[in-house]
């Protein structure tokens, strides 16, 4: 759940807002009623093992389906297709 606080209140209670963000809450900070910032939990560290496992699954599926090696020149050709 997002909570909205004004800039002055955010400045006054910053350490408390940091604790709430650390616990997973997102806080919108406003100035004169307009949202100017969002305070929330920092992203977690990347899970290298999970990424390696996902890559292994992708490679395995590519092998099963007969997908060939990725070709950048071919992809660039598709991207530019239809452009003036």
PDB file of N, CA and C in Angstrom:
ATOM      1  N   UNK A   1       0.847  -1.190   0.000  1.00  0.00           N
ATOM      2  CA  UNK A   1       0.000   0.000   0.000  1.00  0.00           C
ATOM      3  C   UNK A   1       0.884   1.243   0.000  1.00  0.00           C
ATOM      4  N   UNK A   2       0.548   2.199  -0.844  1.00  0.00           N
ATOM      5  CA  UNK A   2       1.316   3.427  -0.924  1.00  0.00           C
ATOM      6  C   UNK A   2       0.738   4.466   0.022  1.00  0.00           C
ATOM      7  N   UNK A   3       1.637   5.171   0.673  1.00  0.00           N
ATOM      8  CA  UNK A   3       1.231   6.285   1.528  1.00  0.00           C
ATOM      9  C   UNK A   3       1.763   7.555   0.871  1.00  0.00           C
ATOM     10  N   UNK A   4       1.041   8.626   0.993  1.00  0.00           N
ATOM     11  CA  UNK A   4       1.459   9.904   0.434  1.00  0.00           C
ATOM     12  C   UNK A   4       1.805  10.849   1.568  1.00  0.00           C
ATOM     13  N   UNK A   5       2.974  11.478   1.466  1.00  0.00           N
ATOM     14  CA  UNK A   5       3.382  12.474   2.462  1.00  0.00           C
ATOM     15  C   UNK A   5       3.914  13.699   1.739  1.00  0.00           C
ATOM     16  N   UNK A   6       3.756  14.830   2.375  1.00  0.00           N
ATOM     17  CA  UNK A   6       4.289  16.064   1.822  1.00  0.00           C
ATOM     18  C   UNK A   6       5.798  16.139   2.019  1.00  0.00           C
ATOM     19  N   UNK A   7       6.444  16.992   1.256  1.00  0.00           N
ATOM     20  CA  UNK A   7       7.897  17.120   1.308  1.00  0.00           C
ATOM     21  C   UNK A   7       8.380  17.538   2.701  1.00  0.00           C
ATOM     22  N   UNK A   8       7.678  18.455   3.341  1.00  0.00           N
ATOM     23  CA  UNK A   8       8.088  18.907   4.668  1.00  0.00           C
ATOM     24  C   UNK A   8       8.003  17.762   5.674  1.00  0.00           C
ATOM     25  N   UNK A   9       6.905  17.020   5.645  1.00  0.00           N
ATOM     26  CA  UNK A   9       6.749  15.874   6.546  1.00  0.00           C
ATOM     27  C   UNK A   9       7.814  14.815   6.261  1.00  0.00           C
ATOM     28  N   UNK A  10       8.107  14.594   4.979  1.00  0.00           N
ATOM     29  CA  UNK A  10       9.122  13.606   4.605  1.00  0.00           C
ATOM     30  C   UNK A  10      10.482  14.005   5.172  1.00  0.00           C
ATOM     31  N   UNK A  11      10.797  15.296   5.084  1.00  0.00           N
ATOM     32  CA  UNK A  11      12.073  15.784   5.615  1.00  0.00           C
ATOM     33  C   UNK A  11      12.110  15.624   7.133  1.00  0.00           C
ATOM     34  N   UNK A  12      11.008  15.922   7.772  1.00  0.00           N
ATOM     35  CA  UNK A  12      10.940  15.870   9.228  1.00  0.00           C
ATOM     36  C   UNK A  12      11.012  14.440   9.764  1.00  0.00           C
ATOM     37  N   UNK A  13      10.404  13.509   9.059  1.00  0.00           N
ATOM     38  CA  UNK A  13      10.307  12.122   9.533  1.00  0.00           C
ATOM     39  C   UNK A  13      11.051  11.153   8.613  1.00  0.00           C
ATOM     40  N   UNK A  14      12.141  11.614   8.024  1.00  0.00           N
ATOM     41  CA  UNK A  14      12.841  10.820   7.009  1.00  0.00           C
ATOM     42  C   UNK A  14      13.299   9.458   7.535  1.00  0.00           C
ATOM     43  N   UNK A  15      13.870   9.411   8.734  1.00  0.00           N
ATOM     44  CA  UNK A  15      14.369   8.130   9.245  1.00  0.00           C
ATOM     45  C   UNK A  15      13.227   7.132   9.444  1.00  0.00           C
ATOM     46  N   UNK A  16      12.067   7.596   9.875  1.00  0.00           N
ATOM     47  CA  UNK A  16      10.918   6.709  10.034  1.00  0.00           C
ATOM     48  C   UNK A  16      10.422   6.212   8.681  1.00  0.00           C
ATOM     49  N   UNK A  17      10.431   7.100   7.688  1.00  0.00           N
ATOM     50  CA  UNK A  17      10.004   6.700   6.352  1.00  0.00           C
ATOM     51  C   UNK A  17      10.975   5.676   5.759  1.00  0.00           C
ATOM     52  N   UNK A  18      12.260   5.836   6.036  1.00  0.00           N
ATOM     53  CA  UNK A  18      13.241   4.860   5.568  1.00  0.00           C
ATOM     54  C   UNK A  18      12.986   3.485   6.177  1.00  0.00           C
ATOM     55  N   UNK A  19      12.656   3.448   7.447  1.00  0.00           N
ATOM     56  CA  UNK A  19      12.344   2.173   8.104  1.00  0.00           C
ATOM     57  C   UNK A  19      11.131   1.510   7.446  1.00  0.00           C
ATOM     58  N   UNK A  20      10.123   2.313   7.133  1.00  0.00           N
ATOM     59  CA  UNK A  20       8.931   1.760   6.496  1.00  0.00           C
ATOM     60  C   UNK A  20       9.243   1.252   5.094  1.00  0.00           C
ATOM     61  N   UNK A  21      10.072   1.993   4.367  1.00  0.00           N
ATOM     62  CA  UNK A  21      10.468   1.560   3.029  1.00  0.00           C
ATOM     63  C   UNK A  21      11.282   0.268   3.102  1.00  0.00           C
ATOM     64  N   UNK A  22      12.133   0.184   4.102  1.00  0.00           N
ATOM     65  CA  UNK A  22      12.954  -1.015   4.288  1.00  0.00           C
ATOM     66  C   UNK A  22      12.072  -2.244   4.526  1.00  0.00           C
ATOM     67  N   UNK A  23      10.923  -2.041   5.160  1.00  0.00           N
ATOM     68  CA  UNK A  23      10.026  -3.160   5.437  1.00  0.00           C
ATOM     69  C   UNK A  23       9.093  -3.461   4.261  1.00  0.00           C
ATOM     70  N   UNK A  24       9.258  -2.731   3.153  1.00  0.00           N
ATOM     71  CA  UNK A  24       8.507  -3.048   1.940  1.00  0.00           C
ATOM     72  C   UNK A  24       7.443  -2.052   1.531  1.00  0.00           C
ATOM     73  N   UNK A  25       7.207  -1.042   2.324  1.00  0.00           N
ATOM     74  CA  UNK A  25       6.172  -0.061   1.998  1.00  0.00           C
ATOM     75  C   UNK A  25       6.702   0.950   0.988  1.00  0.00           C
ATOM     76  N   UNK A  26       5.815   1.438   0.124  1.00  0.00           N
ATOM     77  CA  UNK A  26       6.182   2.489  -0.819  1.00  0.00           C
ATOM     78  C   UNK A  26       5.518   3.786  -0.382  1.00  0.00           C
ATOM     79  N   UNK A  27       6.292   4.862  -0.385  1.00  0.00           N
ATOM     80  CA  UNK A  27       5.798   6.167   0.053  1.00  0.00           C
ATOM     81  C   UNK A  27       5.969   7.159  -1.089  1.00  0.00           C
ATOM     82  N   UNK A  28       4.869   7.838  -1.440  1.00  0.00           N
ATOM     83  CA  UNK A  28       4.935   8.890  -2.446  1.00  0.00           C
ATOM     84  C   UNK A  28       5.161  10.215  -1.738  1.00  0.00           C
ATOM     85  N   UNK A  29       6.114  10.983  -2.227  1.00  0.00           N
ATOM     86  CA  UNK A  29       6.418  12.286  -1.647  1.00  0.00           C
ATOM     87  C   UNK A  29       5.903  13.359  -2.599  1.00  0.00           C
ATOM     88  N   UNK A  30       5.119  14.272  -2.040  1.00  0.00           N
ATOM     89  CA  UNK A  30       4.493  15.303  -2.862  1.00  0.00           C
ATOM     90  C   UNK A  30       4.999  16.689  -2.488  1.00  0.00           C
ATOM     91  N   UNK A  31       4.887  17.585  -3.452  1.00  0.00           N
ATOM     92  CA  UNK A  31       5.156  19.007  -3.213  1.00  0.00           C
ATOM     93  C   UNK A  31       3.988  19.761  -3.821  1.00  0.00           C
ATOM     94  N   UNK A  32       3.277  20.477  -2.973  1.00  0.00           N
ATOM     95  CA  UNK A  32       2.081  21.221  -3.387  1.00  0.00           C
ATOM     96  C   UNK A  32       1.069  20.320  -4.096  1.00  0.00           C
ATOM     97  N   UNK A  33       0.916  19.100  -3.564  1.00  0.00           N
ATOM     98  CA  UNK A  33      -0.076  18.169  -4.092  1.00  0.00           C
ATOM     99  C   UNK A  33       0.355  17.354  -5.299  1.00  0.00           C
ATOM    100  N   UNK A  34       1.539  17.620  -5.833  1.00  0.00           N
ATOM    101  CA  UNK A  34       2.020  16.903  -7.010  1.00  0.00           C
ATOM    102  C   UNK A  34       3.101  15.904  -6.581  1.00  0.00           C
ATOM    103  N   UNK A  35       2.973  14.654  -7.004  1.00  0.00           N
ATOM    104  CA  UNK A  35       3.964  13.635  -6.659  1.00  0.00           C
ATOM    105  C   UNK A  35       5.288  13.965  -7.341  1.00  0.00           C
ATOM    106  N   UNK A  36       6.360  14.017  -6.529  1.00  0.00           N
ATOM    107  CA  UNK A  36       7.681  14.346  -7.070  1.00  0.00           C
ATOM    108  C   UNK A  36       8.696  13.234  -6.847  1.00  0.00           C
ATOM    109  N   UNK A  37       8.396  12.301  -5.939  1.00  0.00           N
ATOM    110  CA  UNK A  37       9.346  11.215  -5.674  1.00  0.00           C
ATOM    111  C   UNK A  37       8.616  10.023  -5.094  1.00  0.00           C
ATOM    112  N   UNK A  38       9.283   8.881  -5.190  1.00  0.00           N
ATOM    113  CA  UNK A  38       8.731   7.648  -4.634  1.00  0.00           C
ATOM    114  C   UNK A  38       9.832   6.978  -3.827  1.00  0.00           C
ATOM    115  N   UNK A  39       9.546   6.711  -2.570  1.00  0.00           N
ATOM    116  CA  UNK A  39      10.499   6.071  -1.676  1.00  0.00           C
ATOM    117  C   UNK A  39      10.016   4.651  -1.437  1.00  0.00           C
ATOM    118  N   UNK A  40      10.888   3.686  -1.670  1.00  0.00           N
ATOM    119  CA  UNK A  40      10.488   2.297  -1.504  1.00  0.00           C
ATOM    120  C   UNK A  40      11.699   1.417  -1.242  1.00  0.00           C
ATOM    121  N   UNK A  41      11.462   0.121  -1.091  1.00  0.00           N
ATOM    122  CA  UNK A  41      12.559  -0.798  -0.812  1.00  0.00           C
ATOM    123  C   UNK A  41      13.532  -0.850  -1.988  1.00  0.00           C
ATOM    124  N   UNK A  42      14.801  -1.010  -1.675  1.00  0.00           N
ATOM    125  CA  UNK A  42      15.817  -1.128  -2.716  1.00  0.00           C
ATOM    126  C   UNK A  42      15.668  -2.483  -3.393  1.00  0.00           C
ATOM    127  N   UNK A  43      15.992  -2.564  -4.688  1.00  0.00           N
ATOM    128  CA  UNK A  43      15.912  -3.854  -5.367  1.00  0.00           C
ATOM    129  C   UNK A  43      16.895  -4.843  -4.746  1.00  0.00           C
ATOM    130  N   UNK A  44      16.500  -6.088  -4.745  1.00  0.00           N
ATOM    131  CA  UNK A  44      17.365  -7.103  -4.158  1.00  0.00           C
ATOM    132  C   UNK A  44      18.540  -7.401  -5.087  1.00  0.00           C
ATOM    133  N   UNK A  45      19.539  -8.025  -4.543  1.00  0.00           N
ATOM    134  CA  UNK A  45      20.709  -8.404  -5.328  1.00  0.00           C
ATOM    135  C   UNK A  45      20.298  -9.425  -6.393  1.00  0.00           C
ATOM    136  N   UNK A  46      20.905  -9.361  -7.563  1.00  0.00           N
ATOM    137  CA  UNK A  46      20.548 -10.323  -8.603  1.00  0.00           C
ATOM    138  C   UNK A  46      20.926 -11.746  -8.182  1.00  0.00           C
ATOM    139  N   UNK A  47      20.086 -12.687  -8.534  1.00  0.00           N
ATOM    140  CA  UNK A  47      20.323 -14.081  -8.212  1.00  0.00           C
ATOM    141  C   UNK A  47      21.031 -14.721  -9.400  1.00  0.00           C
ATOM    142  N   UNK A  48      22.350 -14.808  -9.314  1.00  0.00           N
ATOM    143  CA  UNK A  48      23.168 -15.296 -10.422  1.00  0.00           C
ATOM    144  C   UNK A  48      22.838 -16.751 -10.747  1.00  0.00           C
ATOM    145  N   UNK A  49      22.639 -17.562  -9.738  1.00  0.00           N
ATOM    146  CA  UNK A  49      22.332 -18.974  -9.971  1.00  0.00           C
ATOM    147  C   UNK A  49      21.001 -19.142 -10.699  1.00  0.00           C
ATOM    148  N   UNK A  50      20.010 -18.360 -10.330  1.00  0.00           N
ATOM    149  CA  UNK A  50      18.710 -18.438 -11.007  1.00  0.00           C
ATOM    150  C   UNK A  50      18.846 -18.002 -12.463  1.00  0.00           C
ATOM    151  N   UNK A  51      19.652 -16.974 -12.721  1.00  0.00           N
ATOM    152  CA  UNK A  51      19.870 -16.513 -14.095  1.00  0.00           C
ATOM    153  C   UNK A  51      20.569 -17.594 -14.920  1.00  0.00           C
ATOM    154  N   UNK A  52      21.562 -18.245 -14.332  1.00  0.00           N
ATOM    155  CA  UNK A  52      22.259 -19.328 -15.050  1.00  0.00           C
ATOM    156  C   UNK A  52      21.311 -20.493 -15.346  1.00  0.00           C
ATOM    157  N   UNK A  53      20.455 -20.810 -14.388  1.00  0.00           N
ATOM    158  CA  UNK A  53      19.495 -21.902 -14.597  1.00  0.00           C
ATOM    159  C   UNK A  53      18.515 -21.539 -15.709  1.00  0.00           C
ATOM    160  N   UNK A  54      18.056 -20.292 -15.739  1.00  0.00           N
ATOM    161  CA  UNK A  54      17.136 -19.848 -16.787  1.00  0.00           C
ATOM    162  C   UNK A  54      17.808 -19.916 -18.152  1.00  0.00           C
ATOM    163  N   UNK A  55      19.058 -19.499 -18.222  1.00  0.00           N
ATOM    164  CA  UNK A  55      19.792 -19.556 -19.479  1.00  0.00           C
ATOM    165  C   UNK A  55      19.958 -20.999 -19.953  1.00  0.00           C
ATOM    166  N   UNK A  56      20.229 -21.904 -19.029  1.00  0.00           N
ATOM    167  CA  UNK A  56      20.360 -23.321 -19.385  1.00  0.00           C
ATOM    168  C   UNK A  56      19.034 -23.857 -19.940  1.00  0.00           C
ATOM    169  N   UNK A  57      17.900 -23.451 -19.336  1.00  0.00           N
ATOM    170  CA  UNK A  57      16.589 -23.877 -19.841  1.00  0.00           C
ATOM    171  C   UNK A  57      16.336 -23.336 -21.243  1.00  0.00           C
ATOM    172  N   UNK A  58      16.703 -22.072 -21.467  1.00  0.00           N
ATOM    173  CA  UNK A  58      16.514 -21.456 -22.786  1.00  0.00           C
ATOM    174  C   UNK A  58      17.341 -22.188 -23.828  1.00  0.00           C
ATOM    175  N   UNK A  59      18.597 -22.461 -23.493  1.00  0.00           N
ATOM    176  CA  UNK A  59      19.464 -23.175 -24.435  1.00  0.00           C
ATOM    177  C   UNK A  59      18.936 -24.583 -24.715  1.00  0.00           C
ATOM    178  N   UNK A  60      18.443 -25.243 -23.675  1.00  0.00           N
ATOM    179  CA  UNK A  60      17.875 -26.582 -23.852  1.00  0.00           C
ATOM    180  C   UNK A  60      16.672 -26.573 -24.777  1.00  0.00           C
ATOM    181  N   UNK A  61      15.788 -25.602 -24.600  1.00  0.00           N
ATOM    182  CA  UNK A  61      14.610 -25.501 -25.463  1.00  0.00           C
ATOM    183  C   UNK A  61      14.999 -25.162 -26.893  1.00  0.00           C
ATOM    184  N   UNK A  62      16.000 -24.302 -27.051  1.00  0.00           N
ATOM    185  CA  UNK A  62      16.461 -23.945 -28.395  1.00  0.00           C
ATOM    186  C   UNK A  62      17.010 -25.179 -29.104  1.00  0.00           C
ATOM    187  N   UNK A  63      17.717 -26.019 -28.383  1.00  0.00           N
ATOM    188  CA  UNK A  63      18.270 -27.245 -28.962  1.00  0.00           C
ATOM    189  C   UNK A  63      17.148 -28.192 -29.392  1.00  0.00           C
ATOM    190  N   UNK A  64      16.143 -28.334 -28.530  1.00  0.00           N
ATOM    191  CA  UNK A  64      15.022 -29.239 -28.833  1.00  0.00           C
ATOM    192  C   UNK A  64      14.238 -28.782 -30.050  1.00  0.00           C
ATOM    193  N   UNK A  65      14.042 -27.474 -30.187  1.00  0.00           N
ATOM    194  CA  UNK A  65      13.236 -26.947 -31.286  1.00  0.00           C
ATOM    195  C   UNK A  65      14.044 -26.685 -32.553  1.00  0.00           C
ATOM    196  N   UNK A  66      15.356 -26.821 -32.469  1.00  0.00           N
ATOM    197  CA  UNK A  66      16.193 -26.630 -33.651  1.00  0.00           C
ATOM    198  C   UNK A  66      16.504 -25.183 -33.961  1.00  0.00           C
ATOM    199  N   UNK A  67      16.299 -24.306 -32.988  1.00  0.00           N
ATOM    200  CA  UNK A  67      16.634 -22.896 -33.213  1.00  0.00           C
ATOM    201  C   UNK A  67      18.145 -22.768 -33.332  1.00  0.00           C
ATOM    202  N   UNK A  68      18.558 -22.033 -34.360  1.00  0.00           N
ATOM    203  CA  UNK A  68      19.992 -21.873 -34.601  1.00  0.00           C
ATOM    204  C   UNK A  68      20.566 -20.728 -33.789  1.00  0.00           C
ATOM    205  N   UNK A  69      21.849 -20.538 -33.915  1.00  0.00           N
ATOM    206  CA  UNK A  69      22.573 -19.486 -33.211  1.00  0.00           C
ATOM    207  C   UNK A  69      21.971 -18.111 -33.520  1.00  0.00           C
ATOM    208  N   UNK A  70      21.950 -17.257 -32.535  1.00  0.00           N
ATOM    209  CA  UNK A  70      21.417 -15.907 -32.664  1.00  0.00           C
ATOM    210  C   UNK A  70      22.272 -15.108 -33.645  1.00  0.00           C
ATOM    211  N   UNK A  71      21.634 -14.454 -34.595  1.00  0.00           N
ATOM    212  CA  UNK A  71      22.349 -13.705 -35.626  1.00  0.00           C
ATOM    213  C   UNK A  71      21.958 -12.228 -35.550  1.00  0.00           C
ATOM    214  N   UNK A  72      22.886 -11.385 -35.072  1.00  0.00           N
ATOM    215  CA  UNK A  72      22.605  -9.953 -34.911  1.00  0.00           C
ATOM    216  C   UNK A  72      22.291  -9.273 -36.239  1.00  0.00           C
ATOM    217  N   UNK A  73      23.003  -9.654 -37.301  1.00  0.00           N
ATOM    218  CA  UNK A  73      22.753  -9.011 -38.592  1.00  0.00           C
ATOM    219  C   UNK A  73      21.323  -9.266 -39.055  1.00  0.00           C
ATOM    220  N   UNK A  74      20.849 -10.490 -38.838  1.00  0.00           N
ATOM    221  CA  UNK A  74      19.480 -10.813 -39.215  1.00  0.00           C
ATOM    222  C   UNK A  74      18.483  -9.997 -38.394  1.00  0.00           C
ATOM    223  N   UNK A  75      18.723  -9.863 -37.098  1.00  0.00           N
ATOM    224  CA  UNK A  75      17.836  -9.080 -36.235  1.00  0.00           C
ATOM    225  C   UNK A  75      17.832  -7.611 -36.637  1.00  0.00           C
ATOM    226  N   UNK A  76      19.001  -7.080 -36.952  1.00  0.00           N
ATOM    227  CA  UNK A  76      19.070  -5.673 -37.373  1.00  0.00           C
ATOM    228  C   UNK A  76      18.260  -5.460 -38.646  1.00  0.00           C
ATOM    229  N   UNK A  77      18.307  -6.451 -39.522  1.00  0.00           N
ATOM    230  CA  UNK A  77      17.544  -6.360 -40.757  1.00  0.00           C
ATOM    231  C   UNK A  77      16.045  -6.281 -40.443  1.00  0.00           C
ATOM    232  N   UNK A  78      15.565  -7.094 -39.487  1.00  0.00           N
ATOM    233  CA  UNK A  78      14.152  -7.061 -39.114  1.00  0.00           C
ATOM    234  C   UNK A  78      13.781  -5.736 -38.461  1.00  0.00           C
ATOM    235  N   UNK A  79      14.661  -5.207 -37.629  1.00  0.00           N
ATOM    236  CA  UNK A  79      14.385  -3.948 -36.954  1.00  0.00           C
ATOM    237  C   UNK A  79      14.230  -2.813 -37.964  1.00  0.00           C
ATOM    238  N   UNK A  80      15.094  -2.801 -38.952  1.00  0.00           N
ATOM    239  CA  UNK A  80      15.071  -1.721 -39.923  1.00  0.00           C
ATOM    240  C   UNK A  80      14.042  -1.923 -41.038  1.00  0.00           C
ATOM    241  N   UNK A  81      13.424  -3.094 -41.075  1.00  0.00           N
ATOM    242  CA  UNK A  81      12.453  -3.398 -42.099  1.00  0.00           C
ATOM    243  C   UNK A  81      11.251  -2.438 -41.996  1.00  0.00           C
ATOM    244  N   UNK A  82      10.918  -1.836 -43.086  1.00  0.00           N
ATOM    245  CA  UNK A  82       9.764  -0.940 -43.094  1.00  0.00           C
ATOM    246  C   UNK A  82      10.060   0.478 -42.665  1.00  0.00           C
ATOM    247  N   UNK A  83      11.290   0.752 -42.286  1.00  0.00           N
ATOM    248  CA  UNK A  83      11.647   2.126 -41.907  1.00  0.00           C
ATOM    249  C   UNK A  83      12.108   2.881 -43.148  1.00  0.00           C
ATOM    250  N   UNK A  84      11.806   4.183 -43.199  1.00  0.00           N
ATOM    251  CA  UNK A  84      12.238   4.985 -44.369  1.00  0.00           C
ATOM    252  C   UNK A  84      13.745   5.185 -44.375  1.00  0.00           C
TER     253      UNK A  84
END
